[in-house]
Amino acid sequence: MTNRIPLFLAAALVLGGCDHSMTKQNRYSTYSAAALFGDGTEAQPLPVGVVAQGDLARAIESTKPPRADPQLLVRGRERYDIFCSPCHGLSGKGDGMIVHRGFPAPPSYHIPRLRAAPAQHFFDVITNGYGIMYSYAARVEPRDRWAIVAYIRALQESQNAKVADVPELGGKLP
């Protein structure tokens, strides 16, 4: 019993010391002086590229799609190939490389439900995620999200196109 008294005393001292440092953290108050930083203040400027929550310009850009033009489609294809094709495949059929590796297949963009979906649906899914797809809001700028949506629409049209829709190509196809 006498051998245990120093052990209990040491444990009590160690545990007693933990409480103070865990409940009372040293911190700076808002706008207080801080010798840690070169300008002497605790409030530091935001790093380049930081977007404030509720940024109005981004919010407006998220609700107003840009005019579809060839440059937007080229940008959309580039962004789609980078961010979307690993799962959705290059043709949008949900047969990307990730699916071949055993992950669940996303729905094809060519099913009637997604062909009838408004463009805002695709933008919202890219922004917020859906099902097992995570959000790309931090990875893809709003204008690039709209470019991807425009490219998805082009994919949908291309998979259901008929030669009669483009008569000038009729003589060039075998």
C-alpha atoms as a PDB file:
ATOM      1  CA  MET A   1       0.000   0.000   0.000  1.00  0.00           C
ATOM      2  CA  THR A   2       2.801   2.434   0.826  1.00  0.00           C
ATOM      3  CA  ASN A   3       4.309   1.777  -2.627  1.00  0.00           C
ATOM      4  CA  ARG A   4       1.112   3.032  -4.257  1.00  0.00           C
ATOM      5  CA  ILE A   5       0.928   6.392  -2.462  1.00  0.00           C
ATOM      6  CA  PRO A   6       3.690   8.035  -4.571  1.00  0.00           C
ATOM      7  CA  LEU A   7       2.045   6.630  -7.707  1.00  0.00           C
ATOM      8  CA  PHE A   8      -1.362   8.122  -6.797  1.00  0.00           C
ATOM      9  CA  LEU A   9       0.255  11.419  -5.848  1.00  0.00           C
ATOM     10  CA  ALA A  10       2.100  11.615  -9.201  1.00  0.00           C
ATOM     11  CA  ALA A  11      -1.105  10.773 -11.101  1.00  0.00           C
ATOM     12  CA  ALA A  12      -3.036  13.474  -9.219  1.00  0.00           C
ATOM     13  CA  LEU A  13      -0.377  16.092 -10.048  1.00  0.00           C
ATOM     14  CA  VAL A  14      -0.290  15.132 -13.740  1.00  0.00           C
ATOM     15  CA  LEU A  15      -4.073  15.094 -14.122  1.00  0.00           C
ATOM     16  CA  GLY A  16      -4.430  18.327 -12.153  1.00  0.00           C
ATOM     17  CA  GLY A  17      -2.067  20.089 -14.538  1.00  0.00           C
ATOM     18  CA  CYS A  18      -4.036  18.995 -17.612  1.00  0.00           C
ATOM     19  CA  ASP A  19      -7.232  20.735 -16.575  1.00  0.00           C
ATOM     20  CA  HIS A  20      -5.804  24.247 -16.511  1.00  0.00           C
ATOM     21  CA  SER A  21      -4.149  24.128 -19.933  1.00  0.00           C
ATOM     22  CA  MET A  22      -7.131  22.492 -21.594  1.00  0.00           C
ATOM     23  CA  THR A  23      -9.819  24.840 -20.315  1.00  0.00           C
ATOM     24  CA  LYS A  24      -7.928  28.141 -20.424  1.00  0.00           C
ATOM     25  CA  GLN A  25      -6.315  28.578 -23.822  1.00  0.00           C
ATOM     26  CA  ASN A  26      -4.148  31.572 -24.619  1.00  0.00           C
ATOM     27  CA  ARG A  27      -5.707  33.515 -27.471  1.00  0.00           C
ATOM     28  CA  TYR A  28      -5.920  36.973 -28.952  1.00  0.00           C
ATOM     29  CA  SER A  29      -9.066  39.048 -28.624  1.00  0.00           C
ATOM     30  CA  THR A  30     -10.465  40.563 -31.781  1.00  0.00           C
ATOM     31  CA  TYR A  31      -8.391  43.571 -32.949  1.00  0.00           C
ATOM     32  CA  SER A  32      -5.936  43.242 -30.076  1.00  0.00           C
ATOM     33  CA  ALA A  33      -2.220  43.866 -30.412  1.00  0.00           C
ATOM     34  CA  ALA A  34      -0.178  40.820 -31.390  1.00  0.00           C
ATOM     35  CA  ALA A  35       3.598  40.804 -31.370  1.00  0.00           C
ATOM     36  CA  LEU A  36       3.503  37.557 -33.337  1.00  0.00           C
ATOM     37  CA  PHE A  37       2.737  39.324 -36.632  1.00  0.00           C
ATOM     38  CA  GLY A  38       4.848  41.946 -38.374  1.00  0.00           C
ATOM     39  CA  ASP A  39       2.147  44.606 -38.498  1.00  0.00           C
ATOM     40  CA  GLY A  40       1.486  44.236 -34.763  1.00  0.00           C
ATOM     41  CA  THR A  41      -2.197  43.406 -35.057  1.00  0.00           C
ATOM     42  CA  GLU A  42      -4.133  40.190 -34.602  1.00  0.00           C
ATOM     43  CA  ALA A  43      -6.437  40.878 -37.583  1.00  0.00           C
ATOM     44  CA  GLN A  44      -4.577  39.756 -40.703  1.00  0.00           C
ATOM     45  CA  PRO A  45      -5.597  40.330 -44.344  1.00  0.00           C
ATOM     46  CA  LEU A  46      -7.199  37.384 -46.120  1.00  0.00           C
ATOM     47  CA  PRO A  47      -5.001  35.269 -48.404  1.00  0.00           C
ATOM     48  CA  VAL A  48      -5.354  35.740 -52.160  1.00  0.00           C
ATOM     49  CA  GLY A  49      -8.213  33.705 -53.632  1.00  0.00           C
ATOM     50  CA  VAL A  50     -10.339  33.540 -50.478  1.00  0.00           C
ATOM     51  CA  VAL A  51     -14.030  34.009 -51.198  1.00  0.00           C
ATOM     52  CA  ALA A  52     -16.227  35.435 -48.479  1.00  0.00           C
ATOM     53  CA  GLN A  53     -19.293  33.423 -47.574  1.00  0.00           C
ATOM     54  CA  GLY A  54     -22.263  35.117 -49.178  1.00  0.00           C
ATOM     55  CA  ASP A  55     -20.172  36.869 -51.857  1.00  0.00           C
ATOM     56  CA  LEU A  56     -22.772  38.653 -54.004  1.00  0.00           C
ATOM     57  CA  ALA A  57     -20.863  38.524 -57.299  1.00  0.00           C
ATOM     58  CA  ARG A  58     -20.459  34.739 -57.035  1.00  0.00           C
ATOM     59  CA  ALA A  59     -24.114  34.397 -56.048  1.00  0.00           C
ATOM     60  CA  ILE A  60     -25.230  36.333 -59.122  1.00  0.00           C
ATOM     61  CA  GLU A  61     -22.863  34.343 -61.351  1.00  0.00           C
ATOM     62  CA  SER A  62     -24.361  31.146 -59.938  1.00  0.00           C
ATOM     63  CA  THR A  63     -27.884  32.053 -61.013  1.00  0.00           C
ATOM     64  CA  LYS A  64     -27.245  33.594 -64.441  1.00  0.00           C
ATOM     65  CA  PRO A  65     -25.816  31.214 -67.034  1.00  0.00           C
ATOM     66  CA  PRO A  66     -23.494  32.814 -69.599  1.00  0.00           C
ATOM     67  CA  ARG A  67     -24.368  32.888 -73.284  1.00  0.00           C
ATOM     68  CA  ALA A  68     -23.449  29.597 -74.947  1.00  0.00           C
ATOM     69  CA  ASP A  69     -20.750  30.086 -77.567  1.00  0.00           C
ATOM     70  CA  PRO A  70     -17.937  27.932 -79.007  1.00  0.00           C
ATOM     71  CA  GLN A  71     -15.413  29.202 -76.444  1.00  0.00           C
ATOM     72  CA  LEU A  72     -17.721  28.241 -73.578  1.00  0.00           C
ATOM     73  CA  LEU A  73     -18.159  24.736 -75.016  1.00  0.00           C
ATOM     74  CA  VAL A  74     -14.399  24.308 -75.443  1.00  0.00           C
ATOM     75  CA  ARG A  75     -13.868  25.371 -71.839  1.00  0.00           C
ATOM     76  CA  GLY A  76     -16.727  23.115 -70.744  1.00  0.00           C
ATOM     77  CA  ARG A  77     -15.214  20.112 -72.496  1.00  0.00           C
ATOM     78  CA  GLU A  78     -11.832  20.795 -70.918  1.00  0.00           C
ATOM     79  CA  ARG A  79     -13.323  21.096 -67.412  1.00  0.00           C
ATOM     80  CA  TYR A  80     -15.638  18.106 -67.994  1.00  0.00           C
ATOM     81  CA  ASP A  81     -12.707  15.926 -69.067  1.00  0.00           C
ATOM     82  CA  ILE A  82     -10.801  16.909 -65.916  1.00  0.00           C
ATOM     83  CA  PHE A  83     -13.498  16.807 -63.249  1.00  0.00           C
ATOM     84  CA  CYS A  84     -16.411  14.739 -64.595  1.00  0.00           C
ATOM     85  CA  SER A  85     -15.129  12.097 -67.008  1.00  0.00           C
ATOM     86  CA  PRO A  86     -13.444   9.915 -64.354  1.00  0.00           C
ATOM     87  CA  CYS A  87     -16.927   8.922 -63.156  1.00  0.00           C
ATOM     88  CA  HIS A  88     -19.332   9.946 -65.921  1.00  0.00           C
ATOM     89  CA  GLY A  89     -17.152   8.841 -68.848  1.00  0.00           C
ATOM     90  CA  LEU A  90     -16.194  10.839 -71.914  1.00  0.00           C
ATOM     91  CA  SER A  91     -19.616  10.297 -73.507  1.00  0.00           C
ATOM     92  CA  GLY A  92     -21.635  10.930 -70.331  1.00  0.00           C
ATOM     93  CA  LYS A  93     -22.979   7.384 -70.105  1.00  0.00           C
ATOM     94  CA  GLY A  94     -21.712   6.821 -66.548  1.00  0.00           C
ATOM     95  CA  ASP A  95     -18.940   4.465 -67.619  1.00  0.00           C
ATOM     96  CA  GLY A  96     -15.835   6.322 -66.445  1.00  0.00           C
ATOM     97  CA  MET A  97     -12.604   4.792 -65.199  1.00  0.00           C
ATOM     98  CA  ILE A  98     -13.720   4.994 -61.564  1.00  0.00           C
ATOM     99  CA  VAL A  99     -16.686   2.772 -62.410  1.00  0.00           C
ATOM    100  CA  HIS A 100     -14.342   0.242 -64.047  1.00  0.00           C
ATOM    101  CA  ARG A 101     -12.410   0.208 -60.759  1.00  0.00           C
ATOM    102  CA  GLY A 102     -15.496  -0.916 -58.829  1.00  0.00           C
ATOM    103  CA  PHE A 103     -17.218   2.264 -57.703  1.00  0.00           C
ATOM    104  CA  PRO A 104     -20.971   2.672 -58.296  1.00  0.00           C
ATOM    105  CA  ALA A 105     -21.933   4.022 -61.712  1.00  0.00           C
ATOM    106  CA  PRO A 106     -23.531   7.471 -61.851  1.00  0.00           C
ATOM    107  CA  PRO A 107     -26.654   7.821 -63.990  1.00  0.00           C
ATOM    108  CA  SER A 108     -26.207   8.389 -67.697  1.00  0.00           C
ATOM    109  CA  TYR A 109     -26.847  11.924 -68.890  1.00  0.00           C
ATOM    110  CA  HIS A 110     -28.862  10.378 -71.714  1.00  0.00           C
ATOM    111  CA  ILE A 111     -31.726   8.969 -69.654  1.00  0.00           C
ATOM    112  CA  PRO A 112     -35.046  10.799 -70.140  1.00  0.00           C
ATOM    113  CA  ARG A 113     -35.081  12.231 -66.597  1.00  0.00           C
ATOM    114  CA  LEU A 114     -31.730  13.990 -67.069  1.00  0.00           C
ATOM    115  CA  ARG A 115     -32.427  15.006 -70.657  1.00  0.00           C
ATOM    116  CA  ALA A 116     -35.532  16.798 -69.362  1.00  0.00           C
ATOM    117  CA  ALA A 117     -33.800  18.301 -66.303  1.00  0.00           C
ATOM    118  CA  PRO A 118     -33.218  22.060 -66.375  1.00  0.00           C
ATOM    119  CA  ALA A 119     -29.677  23.358 -66.694  1.00  0.00           C
ATOM    120  CA  GLN A 120     -29.877  24.713 -63.140  1.00  0.00           C
ATOM    121  CA  HIS A 121     -30.211  21.105 -61.886  1.00  0.00           C
ATOM    122  CA  PHE A 122     -26.787  20.180 -63.287  1.00  0.00           C
ATOM    123  CA  PHE A 123     -25.274  23.392 -61.926  1.00  0.00           C
ATOM    124  CA  ASP A 124     -26.720  22.695 -58.467  1.00  0.00           C
ATOM    125  CA  VAL A 125     -25.458  19.097 -58.490  1.00  0.00           C
ATOM    126  CA  ILE A 126     -21.939  20.254 -59.419  1.00  0.00           C
ATOM    127  CA  THR A 127     -22.129  22.943 -56.728  1.00  0.00           C
ATOM    128  CA  ASN A 128     -23.660  20.971 -53.857  1.00  0.00           C
ATOM    129  CA  GLY A 129     -23.068  17.338 -54.758  1.00  0.00           C
ATOM    130  CA  TYR A 130     -25.773  14.694 -54.974  1.00  0.00           C
ATOM    131  CA  GLY A 131     -25.923  11.151 -53.650  1.00  0.00           C
ATOM    132  CA  ILE A 132     -22.337   9.942 -53.368  1.00  0.00           C
ATOM    133  CA  MET A 133     -21.015  12.753 -55.572  1.00  0.00           C
ATOM    134  CA  TYR A 134     -19.340  15.407 -53.434  1.00  0.00           C
ATOM    135  CA  SER A 135     -19.493  19.142 -53.980  1.00  0.00           C
ATOM    136  CA  TYR A 136     -17.205  20.734 -56.554  1.00  0.00           C
ATOM    137  CA  ALA A 137     -17.977  24.305 -55.429  1.00  0.00           C
ATOM    138  CA  ALA A 138     -14.484  24.745 -53.991  1.00  0.00           C
ATOM    139  CA  ARG A 139     -12.796  23.173 -57.028  1.00  0.00           C
ATOM    140  CA  VAL A 140     -14.714  24.620 -59.994  1.00  0.00           C
ATOM    141  CA  GLU A 141     -15.530  28.307 -60.446  1.00  0.00           C
ATOM    142  CA  PRO A 142     -19.184  29.199 -61.217  1.00  0.00           C
ATOM    143  CA  ARG A 143     -18.436  30.177 -64.836  1.00  0.00           C
ATOM    144  CA  ASP A 144     -16.669  26.844 -65.368  1.00  0.00           C
ATOM    145  CA  ARG A 145     -19.647  25.023 -63.821  1.00  0.00           C
ATOM    146  CA  TRP A 146     -21.885  26.692 -66.390  1.00  0.00           C
ATOM    147  CA  ALA A 147     -19.404  25.713 -69.101  1.00  0.00           C
ATOM    148  CA  ILE A 148     -19.613  22.082 -67.950  1.00  0.00           C
ATOM    149  CA  VAL A 149     -23.421  22.280 -68.006  1.00  0.00           C
ATOM    150  CA  ALA A 150     -23.294  23.614 -71.584  1.00  0.00           C
ATOM    151  CA  TYR A 151     -20.982  20.752 -72.565  1.00  0.00           C
ATOM    152  CA  ILE A 152     -23.305  18.195 -70.910  1.00  0.00           C
ATOM    153  CA  ARG A 153     -26.149  19.589 -73.026  1.00  0.00           C
ATOM    154  CA  ALA A 154     -23.947  19.247 -76.120  1.00  0.00           C
ATOM    155  CA  LEU A 155     -23.203  15.626 -75.160  1.00  0.00           C
ATOM    156  CA  GLN A 156     -26.901  14.945 -74.768  1.00  0.00           C
ATOM    157  CA  GLU A 157     -27.627  16.401 -78.193  1.00  0.00           C
ATOM    158  CA  SER A 158     -24.742  14.586 -79.871  1.00  0.00           C
ATOM    159  CA  GLN A 159     -25.822  11.157 -78.633  1.00  0.00           C
ATOM    160  CA  ASN A 160     -29.316  11.551 -80.073  1.00  0.00           C
ATOM    161  CA  ALA A 161     -28.477  13.419 -83.279  1.00  0.00           C
ATOM    162  CA  LYS A 162     -29.629  12.199 -86.678  1.00  0.00           C
ATOM    163  CA  VAL A 163     -28.008  12.839 -90.047  1.00  0.00           C
ATOM    164  CA  ALA A 164     -31.166  14.726 -91.034  1.00  0.00           C
ATOM    165  CA  ASP A 165     -30.385  17.245 -88.266  1.00  0.00           C
ATOM    166  CA  VAL A 166     -27.118  18.163 -90.048  1.00  0.00           C
ATOM    167  CA  PRO A 167     -27.760  17.692 -93.782  1.00  0.00           C
ATOM    168  CA  GLU A 168     -24.343  19.052 -94.840  1.00  0.00           C
ATOM    169  CA  LEU A 169     -22.677  16.046 -93.174  1.00  0.00           C
ATOM    170  CA  GLY A 170     -24.843  13.499 -95.009  1.00  0.00           C
ATOM    171  CA  GLY A 171     -22.440  13.127 -97.919  1.00  0.00           C
ATOM    172  CA  LYS A 172     -19.362  12.905 -95.680  1.00  0.00           C
ATOM    173  CA  LEU A 173     -20.511   9.971 -93.569  1.00  0.00           C
ATOM    174  CA  PRO A 174     -19.789   6.433 -94.809  1.00  0.00           C
END
